[in-house]
Each structure stands twice: as C-alpha cells, then as structure tokens.
C-alpha cells in the first residue's frame, strides 16, 4: 500500500428514471425481462435517435447501454416492417451474447421481426436465408469487410433498407484495427448511398476521454453525446 497516494470514496447513487411513451409490444418485452422503467440516459438516447441524430453513449459498465439502441431500433422496425438494422461488434463472442439477449426480448414481446448473426460460423445452408431476411443482422468488422461488402449485390435487401448501424465497444477500434474499421465503414456508407439508404449510427463506448470525437472520426458524421453525467443507472458506494 506504500504506492497509494490518495483515497476517494464515491457515494452510492440511486436510480434515476424517466417516463417515455413506447409501443405496447416493446413495453411488454421490457416488462417480461424485469424492466419497468428506463433510466434517464436511456430515455435521452431514445429521444435523440427519434430526432434523427447520430448518438454515442459513453456510460459505465452495466449501465444498460444496449437498451439505448435496442429500444429505438425496435420502434423503427415496428413502424417500418421492411427496415433493417446492422449491429457490429468487435468479437464474435460479444455478438453471440447480444444475439441471445435480442432473441429473448423479441420473443418476450412477440415482436414481428427477427435477429440473425452472420459470421464465419454461420452454416452455408443458412446464409441465403440471412441475406434475404428482414430485421436485425449482427456481425463483426472482419465479416462485414470480407463476407458482405464484396458481395453487395447479394445484400441488396440489407443495404437498400438499412436504417441503423449500431457500433458497440467503439473504444476497441483504435490504432491499425481502428483505421481498418473506419475504412470499412466508409465502404459501407458508399454502398448504402448507392442503394438509396442513409442509416443513422448509434455507438456505445466505455468511459474514455473523447467518445464524441472518437465516434466522429470513426464514422465521419456529427454525433450527440450521452455521457456519465447523464447516467441514471444506480451504483454502490
């Protein structure tokens, strides 16, 4: 302990929630998963997305960042049945975790769309179905680079109807890997423009020093920041 120069005790923080009007099916899905109300930062993110803003959420671990994009994506898919959303995770393990959670929410609300993963483990017998399906596609940057964008004519349904691109864990996109992902995202946006779509971007990050600037460099678009100062999730002392 001789190297410790200071101690700081942070007080516990109670939850801060805020009412928000959601479709009954989404309310049912959340309630079935034990979620009665959204935290303030989640509501602010949902509101910003509904105003067609690109949003980056940078709050602490276990603050419920995934609902910041899940709720507005579900709302859009309910309103526009042909709409598509693309979730990009830096690893297949994270993608599979989100696939399982999204499937549970969709089932809990009996929602009229589905979610699929597309990576190196996707059986070839299922790949055609995934390309033609509506709803949410979950993948990783390398599969987007090597398995989707070079074969864009086969992904016309996705690219022409893409309403959202969700980038989770964007703090992982730094250095050479970050430069690679940034270029892949530029290719994605060019193809979206070619097929007539203009998706919104929703990014999630750990609490880094410059999440807004990082997202804007990565995607080359302006972003609205939801940060720790707006976090309504509870925390212990």
C-alpha atoms as a PDB file:
ATOM      1  CA  UNK A   1       0.000   0.000   0.000  1.00  0.00           C
ATOM      2  CA  UNK A   2       3.040   2.288   0.094  1.00  0.00           C
ATOM      3  CA  UNK A   3       2.342   3.335  -3.504  1.00  0.00           C
ATOM      4  CA  UNK A   4      -1.176   4.595  -2.719  1.00  0.00           C
ATOM      5  CA  UNK A   5      -1.134   8.389  -2.566  1.00  0.00           C
ATOM      6  CA  UNK A   6      -4.845   9.132  -2.115  1.00  0.00           C
ATOM      7  CA  UNK A   7      -8.189   7.538  -1.314  1.00  0.00           C
ATOM      8  CA  UNK A   8     -11.552   8.735  -2.557  1.00  0.00           C
ATOM      9  CA  UNK A   9     -14.923   7.357  -1.552  1.00  0.00           C
ATOM     10  CA  UNK A  10     -17.720   7.874  -4.054  1.00  0.00           C
ATOM     11  CA  UNK A  11     -21.231   7.957  -2.609  1.00  0.00           C
ATOM     12  CA  UNK A  12     -23.882   5.487  -3.732  1.00  0.00           C
ATOM     13  CA  UNK A  13     -26.155   6.726  -6.496  1.00  0.00           C
ATOM     14  CA  UNK A  14     -29.855   5.848  -6.562  1.00  0.00           C
ATOM     15  CA  UNK A  15     -31.541   5.057  -9.888  1.00  0.00           C
ATOM     16  CA  UNK A  16     -32.892   7.981 -11.894  1.00  0.00           C
ATOM     17  CA  UNK A  17     -35.712   7.009 -14.235  1.00  0.00           C
ATOM     18  CA  UNK A  18     -37.832   8.952 -16.665  1.00  0.00           C
ATOM     19  CA  UNK A  19     -41.159   8.137 -18.313  1.00  0.00           C
ATOM     20  CA  UNK A  20     -41.184   7.531 -22.044  1.00  0.00           C
ATOM     21  CA  UNK A  21     -44.001   6.514 -24.352  1.00  0.00           C
ATOM     22  CA  UNK A  22     -43.312   3.179 -26.013  1.00  0.00           C
ATOM     23  CA  UNK A  23     -45.422   0.831 -28.152  1.00  0.00           C
ATOM     24  CA  UNK A  24     -47.265  -1.788 -26.052  1.00  0.00           C
ATOM     25  CA  UNK A  25     -45.276  -4.663 -27.575  1.00  0.00           C
ATOM     26  CA  UNK A  26     -41.969  -3.100 -26.548  1.00  0.00           C
ATOM     27  CA  UNK A  27     -43.308  -2.316 -23.077  1.00  0.00           C
ATOM     28  CA  UNK A  28     -44.357  -5.951 -22.758  1.00  0.00           C
ATOM     29  CA  UNK A  29     -40.943  -7.173 -23.891  1.00  0.00           C
ATOM     30  CA  UNK A  30     -39.168  -4.998 -21.328  1.00  0.00           C
ATOM     31  CA  UNK A  31     -41.527  -5.938 -18.507  1.00  0.00           C
ATOM     32  CA  UNK A  32     -41.096  -9.632 -19.275  1.00  0.00           C
ATOM     33  CA  UNK A  33     -37.367  -9.065 -18.806  1.00  0.00           C
ATOM     34  CA  UNK A  34     -37.946  -7.287 -15.483  1.00  0.00           C
ATOM     35  CA  UNK A  35     -37.562  -3.724 -16.783  1.00  0.00           C
ATOM     36  CA  UNK A  36     -40.388  -1.451 -15.644  1.00  0.00           C
ATOM     37  CA  UNK A  37     -38.810   1.937 -16.416  1.00  0.00           C
ATOM     38  CA  UNK A  38     -35.881   3.262 -18.408  1.00  0.00           C
ATOM     39  CA  UNK A  39     -33.012   5.177 -16.839  1.00  0.00           C
ATOM     40  CA  UNK A  40     -32.610   8.841 -17.754  1.00  0.00           C
ATOM     41  CA  UNK A  41     -29.641   8.282 -20.065  1.00  0.00           C
ATOM     42  CA  UNK A  42     -31.571   5.581 -21.917  1.00  0.00           C
ATOM     43  CA  UNK A  43     -34.541   7.909 -22.437  1.00  0.00           C
ATOM     44  CA  UNK A  44     -32.241  10.700 -23.627  1.00  0.00           C
ATOM     45  CA  UNK A  45     -30.660   8.334 -26.130  1.00  0.00           C
ATOM     46  CA  UNK A  46     -34.052   7.105 -27.375  1.00  0.00           C
ATOM     47  CA  UNK A  47     -35.226  10.715 -27.746  1.00  0.00           C
ATOM     48  CA  UNK A  48     -32.106  11.799 -29.635  1.00  0.00           C
ATOM     49  CA  UNK A  49     -32.383   8.847 -32.015  1.00  0.00           C
ATOM     50  CA  UNK A  50     -36.062   9.653 -32.638  1.00  0.00           C
ATOM     51  CA  UNK A  51     -34.894  13.127 -33.716  1.00  0.00           C
ATOM     52  CA  UNK A  52     -32.674  11.536 -36.379  1.00  0.00           C
ATOM     53  CA  UNK A  53     -29.419  12.263 -34.547  1.00  0.00           C
ATOM     54  CA  UNK A  54     -26.392  10.011 -34.563  1.00  0.00           C
ATOM     55  CA  UNK A  55     -25.730   9.143 -30.922  1.00  0.00           C
ATOM     56  CA  UNK A  56     -22.745   7.905 -28.933  1.00  0.00           C
ATOM     57  CA  UNK A  57     -23.357   6.561 -25.419  1.00  0.00           C
ATOM     58  CA  UNK A  58     -20.386   6.523 -23.047  1.00  0.00           C
ATOM     59  CA  UNK A  59     -21.501   5.397 -19.599  1.00  0.00           C
ATOM     60  CA  UNK A  60     -20.114   2.893 -17.125  1.00  0.00           C
ATOM     61  CA  UNK A  61     -20.228  -0.879 -17.455  1.00  0.00           C
ATOM     62  CA  UNK A  62     -23.618  -2.448 -16.574  1.00  0.00           C
ATOM     63  CA  UNK A  63     -25.467   0.857 -17.033  1.00  0.00           C
ATOM     64  CA  UNK A  64     -27.782  -0.586 -19.684  1.00  0.00           C
ATOM     65  CA  UNK A  65     -26.185   0.857 -22.812  1.00  0.00           C
ATOM     66  CA  UNK A  66     -27.645  -1.883 -25.013  1.00  0.00           C
ATOM     67  CA  UNK A  67     -31.196  -0.637 -24.383  1.00  0.00           C
ATOM     68  CA  UNK A  68     -30.121   2.766 -25.710  1.00  0.00           C
ATOM     69  CA  UNK A  69     -30.057   1.236 -29.179  1.00  0.00           C
ATOM     70  CA  UNK A  70     -32.381  -1.753 -28.769  1.00  0.00           C
ATOM     71  CA  UNK A  71     -35.450   0.334 -27.944  1.00  0.00           C
ATOM     72  CA  UNK A  72     -35.220   2.810 -30.867  1.00  0.00           C
ATOM     73  CA  UNK A  73     -34.310   0.026 -33.298  1.00  0.00           C
ATOM     74  CA  UNK A  74     -37.350  -1.981 -32.195  1.00  0.00           C
ATOM     75  CA  UNK A  75     -39.546   1.113 -32.555  1.00  0.00           C
ATOM     76  CA  UNK A  76     -38.373   1.707 -36.118  1.00  0.00           C
ATOM     77  CA  UNK A  77     -38.795  -1.926 -37.125  1.00  0.00           C
ATOM     78  CA  UNK A  78     -42.357  -1.899 -35.798  1.00  0.00           C
ATOM     79  CA  UNK A  79     -43.167   1.239 -37.791  1.00  0.00           C
ATOM     80  CA  UNK A  80     -41.359   0.170 -40.956  1.00  0.00           C
ATOM     81  CA  UNK A  81     -41.560  -3.603 -41.430  1.00  0.00           C
ATOM     82  CA  UNK A  82     -39.027  -3.632 -44.287  1.00  0.00           C
ATOM     83  CA  UNK A  83     -36.416  -1.668 -42.329  1.00  0.00           C
ATOM     84  CA  UNK A  84     -33.102  -3.303 -41.454  1.00  0.00           C
ATOM     85  CA  UNK A  85     -30.591  -2.717 -38.674  1.00  0.00           C
ATOM     86  CA  UNK A  86     -26.949  -3.782 -38.604  1.00  0.00           C
ATOM     87  CA  UNK A  87     -25.218  -4.454 -35.281  1.00  0.00           C
ATOM     88  CA  UNK A  88     -21.412  -4.595 -35.411  1.00  0.00           C
ATOM     89  CA  UNK A  89     -19.383  -6.000 -32.505  1.00  0.00           C
ATOM     90  CA  UNK A  90     -15.581  -6.290 -32.367  1.00  0.00           C
ATOM     91  CA  UNK A  91     -15.692 -10.009 -31.466  1.00  0.00           C
ATOM     92  CA  UNK A  92     -17.923 -12.977 -32.242  1.00  0.00           C
ATOM     93  CA  UNK A  93     -18.351 -13.690 -28.518  1.00  0.00           C
ATOM     94  CA  UNK A  94     -19.895 -10.261 -27.881  1.00  0.00           C
ATOM     95  CA  UNK A  95     -22.061 -10.664 -30.968  1.00  0.00           C
ATOM     96  CA  UNK A  96     -23.387 -14.011 -29.753  1.00  0.00           C
ATOM     97  CA  UNK A  97     -24.194 -12.553 -26.318  1.00  0.00           C
ATOM     98  CA  UNK A  98     -26.221  -9.764 -27.904  1.00  0.00           C
ATOM     99  CA  UNK A  99     -27.889 -12.212 -30.302  1.00  0.00           C
ATOM    100  CA  UNK A 100     -29.173 -14.258 -27.355  1.00  0.00           C
ATOM    101  CA  UNK A 101     -30.415 -11.203 -25.441  1.00  0.00           C
ATOM    102  CA  UNK A 102     -32.113  -9.710 -28.513  1.00  0.00           C
ATOM    103  CA  UNK A 103     -33.840 -13.019 -29.259  1.00  0.00           C
ATOM    104  CA  UNK A 104     -35.183 -13.106 -25.691  1.00  0.00           C
ATOM    105  CA  UNK A 105     -36.575  -9.565 -25.969  1.00  0.00           C
ATOM    106  CA  UNK A 106     -38.165 -10.230 -29.353  1.00  0.00           C
ATOM    107  CA  UNK A 107     -39.788 -13.392 -28.009  1.00  0.00           C
ATOM    108  CA  UNK A 108     -40.953 -11.687 -24.803  1.00  0.00           C
ATOM    109  CA  UNK A 109     -42.812  -9.029 -26.785  1.00  0.00           C
ATOM    110  CA  UNK A 110     -43.927 -11.357 -29.578  1.00  0.00           C
ATOM    111  CA  UNK A 111     -42.429  -8.833 -31.979  1.00  0.00           C
ATOM    112  CA  UNK A 112     -42.943  -9.319 -35.739  1.00  0.00           C
ATOM    113  CA  UNK A 113     -39.283  -9.359 -36.759  1.00  0.00           C
ATOM    114  CA  UNK A 114     -36.212 -11.453 -36.077  1.00  0.00           C
ATOM    115  CA  UNK A 115     -32.485 -11.205 -35.468  1.00  0.00           C
ATOM    116  CA  UNK A 116     -29.733 -13.157 -37.206  1.00  0.00           C
ATOM    117  CA  UNK A 117     -25.980 -13.449 -36.854  1.00  0.00           C
ATOM    118  CA  UNK A 118     -23.632 -13.634 -39.812  1.00  0.00           C
ATOM    119  CA  UNK A 119     -20.050 -14.630 -39.172  1.00  0.00           C
ATOM    120  CA  UNK A 120     -17.560 -17.339 -40.055  1.00  0.00           C
ATOM    121  CA  UNK A 121     -19.547 -19.897 -38.064  1.00  0.00           C
ATOM    122  CA  UNK A 122     -22.827 -19.313 -39.926  1.00  0.00           C
ATOM    123  CA  UNK A 123     -23.616 -22.534 -41.851  1.00  0.00           C
ATOM    124  CA  UNK A 124     -23.609 -22.089 -45.608  1.00  0.00           C
ATOM    125  CA  UNK A 125     -27.076 -23.611 -45.724  1.00  0.00           C
ATOM    126  CA  UNK A 126     -28.392 -20.626 -43.709  1.00  0.00           C
ATOM    127  CA  UNK A 127     -26.532 -17.796 -45.413  1.00  0.00           C
ATOM    128  CA  UNK A 128     -29.014 -17.270 -48.240  1.00  0.00           C
ATOM    129  CA  UNK A 129     -31.876 -17.030 -45.751  1.00  0.00           C
ATOM    130  CA  UNK A 130     -29.941 -14.491 -43.666  1.00  0.00           C
ATOM    131  CA  UNK A 131     -29.244 -12.325 -46.734  1.00  0.00           C
ATOM    132  CA  UNK A 132     -32.932 -12.222 -47.644  1.00  0.00           C
ATOM    133  CA  UNK A 133     -34.350 -11.741 -44.153  1.00  0.00           C
ATOM    134  CA  UNK A 134     -35.727  -8.548 -42.645  1.00  0.00           C
ATOM    135  CA  UNK A 135     -34.997  -7.369 -39.113  1.00  0.00           C
ATOM    136  CA  UNK A 136     -31.615  -7.173 -37.373  1.00  0.00           C
ATOM    137  CA  UNK A 137     -28.293  -8.544 -38.612  1.00  0.00           C
ATOM    138  CA  UNK A 138     -25.423  -8.989 -36.138  1.00  0.00           C
ATOM    139  CA  UNK A 139     -21.867  -9.296 -37.420  1.00  0.00           C
ATOM    140  CA  UNK A 140     -18.271  -8.182 -36.838  1.00  0.00           C
ATOM    141  CA  UNK A 141     -15.967  -5.845 -38.806  1.00  0.00           C
ATOM    142  CA  UNK A 142     -13.996  -8.621 -40.489  1.00  0.00           C
ATOM    143  CA  UNK A 143     -17.120 -10.383 -41.762  1.00  0.00           C
ATOM    144  CA  UNK A 144     -18.513  -7.062 -42.968  1.00  0.00           C
ATOM    145  CA  UNK A 145     -15.225  -6.448 -44.799  1.00  0.00           C
ATOM    146  CA  UNK A 146     -14.771  -9.903 -46.329  1.00  0.00           C
ATOM    147  CA  UNK A 147     -18.209 -11.530 -46.424  1.00  0.00           C
ATOM    148  CA  UNK A 148     -20.757  -8.764 -47.005  1.00  0.00           C
ATOM    149  CA  UNK A 149     -19.407  -5.670 -48.766  1.00  0.00           C
ATOM    150  CA  UNK A 150     -17.562  -7.504 -51.590  1.00  0.00           C
ATOM    151  CA  UNK A 151     -20.824  -9.324 -52.390  1.00  0.00           C
ATOM    152  CA  UNK A 152     -23.096  -6.319 -52.055  1.00  0.00           C
ATOM    153  CA  UNK A 153     -25.410  -7.326 -54.890  1.00  0.00           C
ATOM    154  CA  UNK A 154     -26.484 -10.308 -52.798  1.00  0.00           C
ATOM    155  CA  UNK A 155     -27.059  -7.993 -49.838  1.00  0.00           C
ATOM    156  CA  UNK A 156     -29.258  -5.505 -51.701  1.00  0.00           C
ATOM    157  CA  UNK A 157     -32.165  -6.060 -49.292  1.00  0.00           C
ATOM    158  CA  UNK A 158     -29.972  -5.065 -46.340  1.00  0.00           C
ATOM    159  CA  UNK A 159     -28.199  -2.134 -47.961  1.00  0.00           C
ATOM    160  CA  UNK A 160     -31.291  -0.624 -49.586  1.00  0.00           C
ATOM    161  CA  UNK A 161     -33.346  -0.727 -46.390  1.00  0.00           C
ATOM    162  CA  UNK A 162     -30.672  -0.073 -43.772  1.00  0.00           C
ATOM    163  CA  UNK A 163     -31.999   2.356 -41.148  1.00  0.00           C
ATOM    164  CA  UNK A 164     -29.481   1.843 -38.336  1.00  0.00           C
ATOM    165  CA  UNK A 165     -25.864   0.877 -37.893  1.00  0.00           C
ATOM    166  CA  UNK A 166     -25.036   0.070 -34.259  1.00  0.00           C
ATOM    167  CA  UNK A 167     -21.363   0.031 -33.284  1.00  0.00           C
ATOM    168  CA  UNK A 168     -20.743  -1.379 -29.828  1.00  0.00           C
ATOM    169  CA  UNK A 169     -17.471  -1.198 -27.885  1.00  0.00           C
ATOM    170  CA  UNK A 170     -16.056   1.521 -30.146  1.00  0.00           C
ATOM    171  CA  UNK A 171     -13.214   2.129 -27.690  1.00  0.00           C
ATOM    172  CA  UNK A 172     -11.779  -1.124 -29.114  1.00  0.00           C
ATOM    173  CA  UNK A 173     -11.414   0.500 -32.533  1.00  0.00           C
ATOM    174  CA  UNK A 174      -8.041   2.211 -32.166  1.00  0.00           C
ATOM    175  CA  UNK A 175      -4.672   2.022 -33.871  1.00  0.00           C
ATOM    176  CA  UNK A 176      -4.359  -0.088 -37.023  1.00  0.00           C
ATOM    177  CA  UNK A 177      -7.553  -2.009 -36.227  1.00  0.00           C
ATOM    178  CA  UNK A 178      -9.459   1.259 -35.768  1.00  0.00           C
ATOM    179  CA  UNK A 179      -8.174   2.606 -39.090  1.00  0.00           C
ATOM    180  CA  UNK A 180      -9.246  -0.608 -40.804  1.00  0.00           C
ATOM    181  CA  UNK A 181     -12.753  -0.408 -39.296  1.00  0.00           C
ATOM    182  CA  UNK A 182     -13.066   3.274 -40.251  1.00  0.00           C
ATOM    183  CA  UNK A 183     -12.316   2.420 -43.883  1.00  0.00           C
ATOM    184  CA  UNK A 184     -14.778  -0.493 -43.818  1.00  0.00           C
ATOM    185  CA  UNK A 185     -17.458   1.897 -42.527  1.00  0.00           C
ATOM    186  CA  UNK A 186     -16.728   4.324 -45.354  1.00  0.00           C
ATOM    187  CA  UNK A 187     -17.211   1.495 -47.862  1.00  0.00           C
ATOM    188  CA  UNK A 188     -20.461   0.568 -46.129  1.00  0.00           C
ATOM    189  CA  UNK A 189     -21.750   4.138 -46.345  1.00  0.00           C
ATOM    190  CA  UNK A 190     -20.841   4.434 -50.030  1.00  0.00           C
ATOM    191  CA  UNK A 191     -22.798   1.265 -50.798  1.00  0.00           C
ATOM    192  CA  UNK A 192     -25.755   2.449 -48.723  1.00  0.00           C
ATOM    193  CA  UNK A 193     -25.782   5.664 -50.759  1.00  0.00           C
ATOM    194  CA  UNK A 194     -25.589   3.624 -53.974  1.00  0.00           C
ATOM    195  CA  UNK A 195     -28.625   1.548 -52.947  1.00  0.00           C
ATOM    196  CA  UNK A 196     -30.575   4.577 -51.707  1.00  0.00           C
ATOM    197  CA  UNK A 197     -30.342   4.368 -47.907  1.00  0.00           C
ATOM    198  CA  UNK A 198     -28.841   6.716 -45.317  1.00  0.00           C
ATOM    199  CA  UNK A 199     -28.600   4.907 -41.964  1.00  0.00           C
ATOM    200  CA  UNK A 200     -28.296   6.527 -38.563  1.00  0.00           C
ATOM    201  CA  UNK A 201     -25.383   5.489 -36.392  1.00  0.00           C
ATOM    202  CA  UNK A 202     -25.615   4.578 -32.708  1.00  0.00           C
ATOM    203  CA  UNK A 203     -22.306   3.950 -30.945  1.00  0.00           C
ATOM    204  CA  UNK A 204     -21.530   2.662 -27.464  1.00  0.00           C
ATOM    205  CA  UNK A 205     -18.234   3.113 -25.685  1.00  0.00           C
ATOM    206  CA  UNK A 206     -16.558   2.591 -22.358  1.00  0.00           C
ATOM    207  CA  UNK A 207     -15.881   5.784 -20.424  1.00  0.00           C
ATOM    208  CA  UNK A 208     -12.976   7.132 -22.464  1.00  0.00           C
ATOM    209  CA  UNK A 209     -11.752  10.732 -22.576  1.00  0.00           C
ATOM    210  CA  UNK A 210     -13.100  11.661 -26.009  1.00  0.00           C
ATOM    211  CA  UNK A 211     -16.017   9.397 -27.053  1.00  0.00           C
ATOM    212  CA  UNK A 212     -17.730  12.022 -29.235  1.00  0.00           C
ATOM    213  CA  UNK A 213     -14.567  12.898 -31.145  1.00  0.00           C
ATOM    214  CA  UNK A 214     -13.678   9.220 -31.472  1.00  0.00           C
ATOM    215  CA  UNK A 215     -17.099   8.343 -32.939  1.00  0.00           C
ATOM    216  CA  UNK A 216     -16.957  11.281 -35.337  1.00  0.00           C
ATOM    217  CA  UNK A 217     -13.517  10.283 -36.607  1.00  0.00           C
ATOM    218  CA  UNK A 218     -14.593   6.669 -36.962  1.00  0.00           C
ATOM    219  CA  UNK A 219     -17.795   7.366 -38.894  1.00  0.00           C
ATOM    220  CA  UNK A 220     -17.173  10.879 -40.307  1.00  0.00           C
ATOM    221  CA  UNK A 221     -20.544  12.170 -39.115  1.00  0.00           C
ATOM    222  CA  UNK A 222     -21.626  14.517 -36.295  1.00  0.00           C
ATOM    223  CA  UNK A 223     -22.707  12.829 -33.066  1.00  0.00           C
ATOM    224  CA  UNK A 224     -24.710  13.684 -29.959  1.00  0.00           C
ATOM    225  CA  UNK A 225     -23.021  12.506 -26.752  1.00  0.00           C
ATOM    226  CA  UNK A 226     -24.787  10.790 -23.847  1.00  0.00           C
ATOM    227  CA  UNK A 227     -22.134  10.520 -21.143  1.00  0.00           C
ATOM    228  CA  UNK A 228     -21.614   9.627 -17.496  1.00  0.00           C
ATOM    229  CA  UNK A 229     -23.039  12.968 -16.322  1.00  0.00           C
ATOM    230  CA  UNK A 230     -26.428  11.822 -17.675  1.00  0.00           C
ATOM    231  CA  UNK A 231     -26.192   8.251 -16.367  1.00  0.00           C
ATOM    232  CA  UNK A 232     -29.328   7.269 -14.435  1.00  0.00           C
ATOM    233  CA  UNK A 233     -28.241   3.733 -13.536  1.00  0.00           C
ATOM    234  CA  UNK A 234     -27.691   3.095  -9.807  1.00  0.00           C
ATOM    235  CA  UNK A 235     -24.259   2.450  -8.358  1.00  0.00           C
ATOM    236  CA  UNK A 236     -22.986   1.319  -4.979  1.00  0.00           C
ATOM    237  CA  UNK A 237     -20.689   3.257  -2.693  1.00  0.00           C
END
